[in-house]
Amino acid sequence: MLASELVSALEALAARLGVPVRYDAFDRGLSKGRTCGGLCRLRGQPIIVLDANLGPRDHIATLARALGTFDLDAIYLPPLVRRTIHAHGKARVLMPRPLARVKPRPPRSESG
């Protein structure tokens, strides 16, 4: 499968999930580092925004990362599409850190 075909397959999956994909040219002067887009919410609805200036490999990585946040277990996906999402999406999701341990307080004695 060509990179452009994989981008199309990921876009089709986003459409099946009801998530629009939008391509915009990003202004490089507004952010430090490399920005390629991702999943965000616009008026409460999820949307995937991609930098139109980037190539298909960056679009694949960004789409896969964004789609990896959705529950896809009940949806049939071609094996390559599913592997791509798992490689880029699920693997990069940060796991929550455990809360700091706190020493228990001694019980209060009720005097009265």
C-alpha atoms as a PDB file:
ATOM      1  CA  MET A   1       0.000   0.000   0.000  1.00  0.00           C
ATOM      2  CA  LEU A   2       1.369   3.404  -0.966  1.00  0.00           C
ATOM      3  CA  ALA A   3       1.629   6.197   1.585  1.00  0.00           C
ATOM      4  CA  SER A   4      -1.085   8.192  -0.188  1.00  0.00           C
ATOM      5  CA  GLU A   5      -3.404   5.147  -0.064  1.00  0.00           C
ATOM      6  CA  LEU A   6      -2.751   4.752   3.658  1.00  0.00           C
ATOM      7  CA  VAL A   7      -3.575   8.446   4.206  1.00  0.00           C
ATOM      8  CA  SER A   8      -6.832   7.891   2.297  1.00  0.00           C
ATOM      9  CA  ALA A   9      -7.664   4.822   4.406  1.00  0.00           C
ATOM     10  CA  LEU A  10      -7.051   6.769   7.630  1.00  0.00           C
ATOM     11  CA  GLU A  11      -9.167   9.675   6.356  1.00  0.00           C
ATOM     12  CA  ALA A  12     -11.950   7.218   5.514  1.00  0.00           C
ATOM     13  CA  LEU A  13     -11.785   5.805   9.038  1.00  0.00           C
ATOM     14  CA  ALA A  14     -12.058   9.319  10.466  1.00  0.00           C
ATOM     15  CA  ALA A  15     -15.111   9.900   8.268  1.00  0.00           C
ATOM     16  CA  ARG A  16     -16.680   6.642   9.537  1.00  0.00           C
ATOM     17  CA  LEU A  17     -16.165   7.906  13.073  1.00  0.00           C
ATOM     18  CA  GLY A  18     -17.735  11.252  12.156  1.00  0.00           C
ATOM     19  CA  VAL A  19     -14.488  13.158  12.699  1.00  0.00           C
ATOM     20  CA  PRO A  20     -13.693  15.711   9.987  1.00  0.00           C
ATOM     21  CA  VAL A  21     -10.115  16.004   8.736  1.00  0.00           C
ATOM     22  CA  ARG A  22      -8.949  19.487   7.840  1.00  0.00           C
ATOM     23  CA  TYR A  23      -5.747  20.490   6.052  1.00  0.00           C
ATOM     24  CA  ASP A  24      -4.394  23.987   6.735  1.00  0.00           C
ATOM     25  CA  ALA A  25      -1.034  25.598   6.111  1.00  0.00           C
ATOM     26  CA  PHE A  26       0.456  26.244   9.563  1.00  0.00           C
ATOM     27  CA  ASP A  27       2.377  29.413  10.302  1.00  0.00           C
ATOM     28  CA  ARG A  28       5.795  28.227  11.464  1.00  0.00           C
ATOM     29  CA  GLY A  29       6.433  31.489  13.317  1.00  0.00           C
ATOM     30  CA  LEU A  30       3.622  30.890  15.806  1.00  0.00           C
ATOM     31  CA  SER A  31       5.047  27.837  17.531  1.00  0.00           C
ATOM     32  CA  LYS A  32       8.417  26.606  18.653  1.00  0.00           C
ATOM     33  CA  GLY A  33       9.507  23.275  17.307  1.00  0.00           C
ATOM     34  CA  ARG A  34       7.711  21.153  14.767  1.00  0.00           C
ATOM     35  CA  THR A  35       3.950  21.272  14.695  1.00  0.00           C
ATOM     36  CA  CYS A  36       2.115  18.821  12.470  1.00  0.00           C
ATOM     37  CA  GLY A  37      -1.415  19.002  13.880  1.00  0.00           C
ATOM     38  CA  GLY A  38      -3.548  16.505  15.691  1.00  0.00           C
ATOM     39  CA  LEU A  39      -6.905  15.892  17.327  1.00  0.00           C
ATOM     40  CA  CYS A  40      -8.670  18.842  18.913  1.00  0.00           C
ATOM     41  CA  ARG A  41     -12.203  19.945  19.738  1.00  0.00           C
ATOM     42  CA  LEU A  42     -13.959  22.734  17.906  1.00  0.00           C
ATOM     43  CA  ARG A  43     -17.281  23.798  19.424  1.00  0.00           C
ATOM     44  CA  GLY A  44     -17.344  20.542  21.364  1.00  0.00           C
ATOM     45  CA  GLN A  45     -16.857  18.308  18.307  1.00  0.00           C
ATOM     46  CA  PRO A  46     -13.638  16.378  17.577  1.00  0.00           C
ATOM     47  CA  ILE A  47     -11.695  17.427  14.489  1.00  0.00           C
ATOM     48  CA  ILE A  48      -8.302  16.397  13.135  1.00  0.00           C
ATOM     49  CA  VAL A  49      -6.204  19.283  11.833  1.00  0.00           C
ATOM     50  CA  LEU A  50      -3.153  18.602   9.676  1.00  0.00           C
ATOM     51  CA  ASP A  51      -0.435  20.849   8.296  1.00  0.00           C
ATOM     52  CA  ALA A  52      -0.958  20.940   4.530  1.00  0.00           C
ATOM     53  CA  ASN A  53       2.740  21.679   3.966  1.00  0.00           C
ATOM     54  CA  LEU A  54       3.876  18.303   5.325  1.00  0.00           C
ATOM     55  CA  GLY A  55       4.219  15.087   3.381  1.00  0.00           C
ATOM     56  CA  PRO A  56       2.164  11.897   3.504  1.00  0.00           C
ATOM     57  CA  ARG A  57       4.382  10.211   6.121  1.00  0.00           C
ATOM     58  CA  ASP A  58       3.756  13.037   8.587  1.00  0.00           C
ATOM     59  CA  HIS A  59       0.050  12.968   7.739  1.00  0.00           C
ATOM     60  CA  ILE A  60      -0.017   9.210   8.426  1.00  0.00           C
ATOM     61  CA  ALA A  61       1.674   9.654  11.806  1.00  0.00           C
ATOM     62  CA  THR A  62      -0.626  12.496  12.860  1.00  0.00           C
ATOM     63  CA  LEU A  63      -3.807  10.769  11.691  1.00  0.00           C
ATOM     64  CA  ALA A  64      -2.798   7.480  13.339  1.00  0.00           C
ATOM     65  CA  ARG A  65      -1.980   9.231  16.622  1.00  0.00           C
ATOM     66  CA  ALA A  66      -5.339  11.042  16.575  1.00  0.00           C
ATOM     67  CA  LEU A  67      -7.362   7.961  15.599  1.00  0.00           C
ATOM     68  CA  GLY A  68      -5.577   5.889  18.239  1.00  0.00           C
ATOM     69  CA  THR A  69      -7.503   7.792  20.904  1.00  0.00           C
ATOM     70  CA  PHE A  70     -10.817   6.291  19.714  1.00  0.00           C
ATOM     71  CA  ASP A  71     -12.176   2.827  20.530  1.00  0.00           C
ATOM     72  CA  LEU A  72     -11.629   0.931  17.275  1.00  0.00           C
ATOM     73  CA  ASP A  73     -12.005  -2.644  18.499  1.00  0.00           C
ATOM     74  CA  ALA A  74     -15.494  -3.110  17.022  1.00  0.00           C
ATOM     75  CA  ILE A  75     -14.574  -1.624  13.614  1.00  0.00           C
ATOM     76  CA  TYR A  76     -13.050  -3.749  10.871  1.00  0.00           C
ATOM     77  CA  LEU A  77      -9.781  -2.253   9.658  1.00  0.00           C
ATOM     78  CA  PRO A  78      -7.325  -3.652   7.144  1.00  0.00           C
ATOM     79  CA  PRO A  79      -4.372  -5.125   9.039  1.00  0.00           C
ATOM     80  CA  LEU A  80      -1.921  -2.462   7.821  1.00  0.00           C
ATOM     81  CA  VAL A  81      -4.226   0.349   8.954  1.00  0.00           C
ATOM     82  CA  ARG A  82      -4.696  -1.235  12.383  1.00  0.00           C
ATOM     83  CA  ARG A  83      -0.943  -1.830  12.796  1.00  0.00           C
ATOM     84  CA  THR A  84      -0.213   1.761  11.779  1.00  0.00           C
ATOM     85  CA  ILE A  85      -2.654   3.136  14.344  1.00  0.00           C
ATOM     86  CA  HIS A  86      -1.254   0.913  17.067  1.00  0.00           C
ATOM     87  CA  ALA A  87       2.323   1.854  16.162  1.00  0.00           C
ATOM     88  CA  HIS A  88       1.684   5.595  16.135  1.00  0.00           C
ATOM     89  CA  GLY A  89      -1.427   6.015  18.217  1.00  0.00           C
ATOM     90  CA  LYS A  90      -1.655   3.632  21.136  1.00  0.00           C
ATOM     91  CA  ALA A  91       2.082   3.463  21.757  1.00  0.00           C
ATOM     92  CA  ARG A  92       2.325   7.225  22.225  1.00  0.00           C
ATOM     93  CA  VAL A  93      -0.595   7.675  24.570  1.00  0.00           C
ATOM     94  CA  LEU A  94       0.776   8.712  27.919  1.00  0.00           C
ATOM     95  CA  MET A  95      -0.176   6.483  30.781  1.00  0.00           C
ATOM     96  CA  PRO A  96      -1.386   8.264  33.898  1.00  0.00           C
ATOM     97  CA  ARG A  97       1.151   8.416  36.669  1.00  0.00           C
ATOM     98  CA  PRO A  98       0.177   7.128  40.106  1.00  0.00           C
ATOM     99  CA  LEU A  99      -0.678   9.713  42.688  1.00  0.00           C
ATOM    100  CA  ALA A 100       1.943  10.599  45.269  1.00  0.00           C
ATOM    101  CA  ARG A 101       1.816   8.509  48.402  1.00  0.00           C
ATOM    102  CA  VAL A 102       0.720  10.374  51.476  1.00  0.00           C
ATOM    103  CA  LYS A 103       1.366   9.289  55.017  1.00  0.00           C
ATOM    104  CA  PRO A 104      -1.899   8.513  56.776  1.00  0.00           C
ATOM    105  CA  ARG A 105      -2.907  10.942  59.484  1.00  0.00           C
ATOM    106  CA  PRO A 106      -3.314   9.623  62.974  1.00  0.00           C
ATOM    107  CA  PRO A 107      -6.958   9.279  63.967  1.00  0.00           C
ATOM    108  CA  ARG A 108      -8.437  12.273  65.717  1.00  0.00           C
ATOM    109  CA  SER A 109      -9.381  11.749  69.294  1.00  0.00           C
ATOM    110  CA  GLU A 110     -12.704  13.186  70.185  1.00  0.00           C
ATOM    111  CA  SER A 111     -12.619  14.831  73.552  1.00  0.00           C
ATOM    112  CA  GLY A 112     -15.637  16.417  74.882  1.00  0.00           C
END
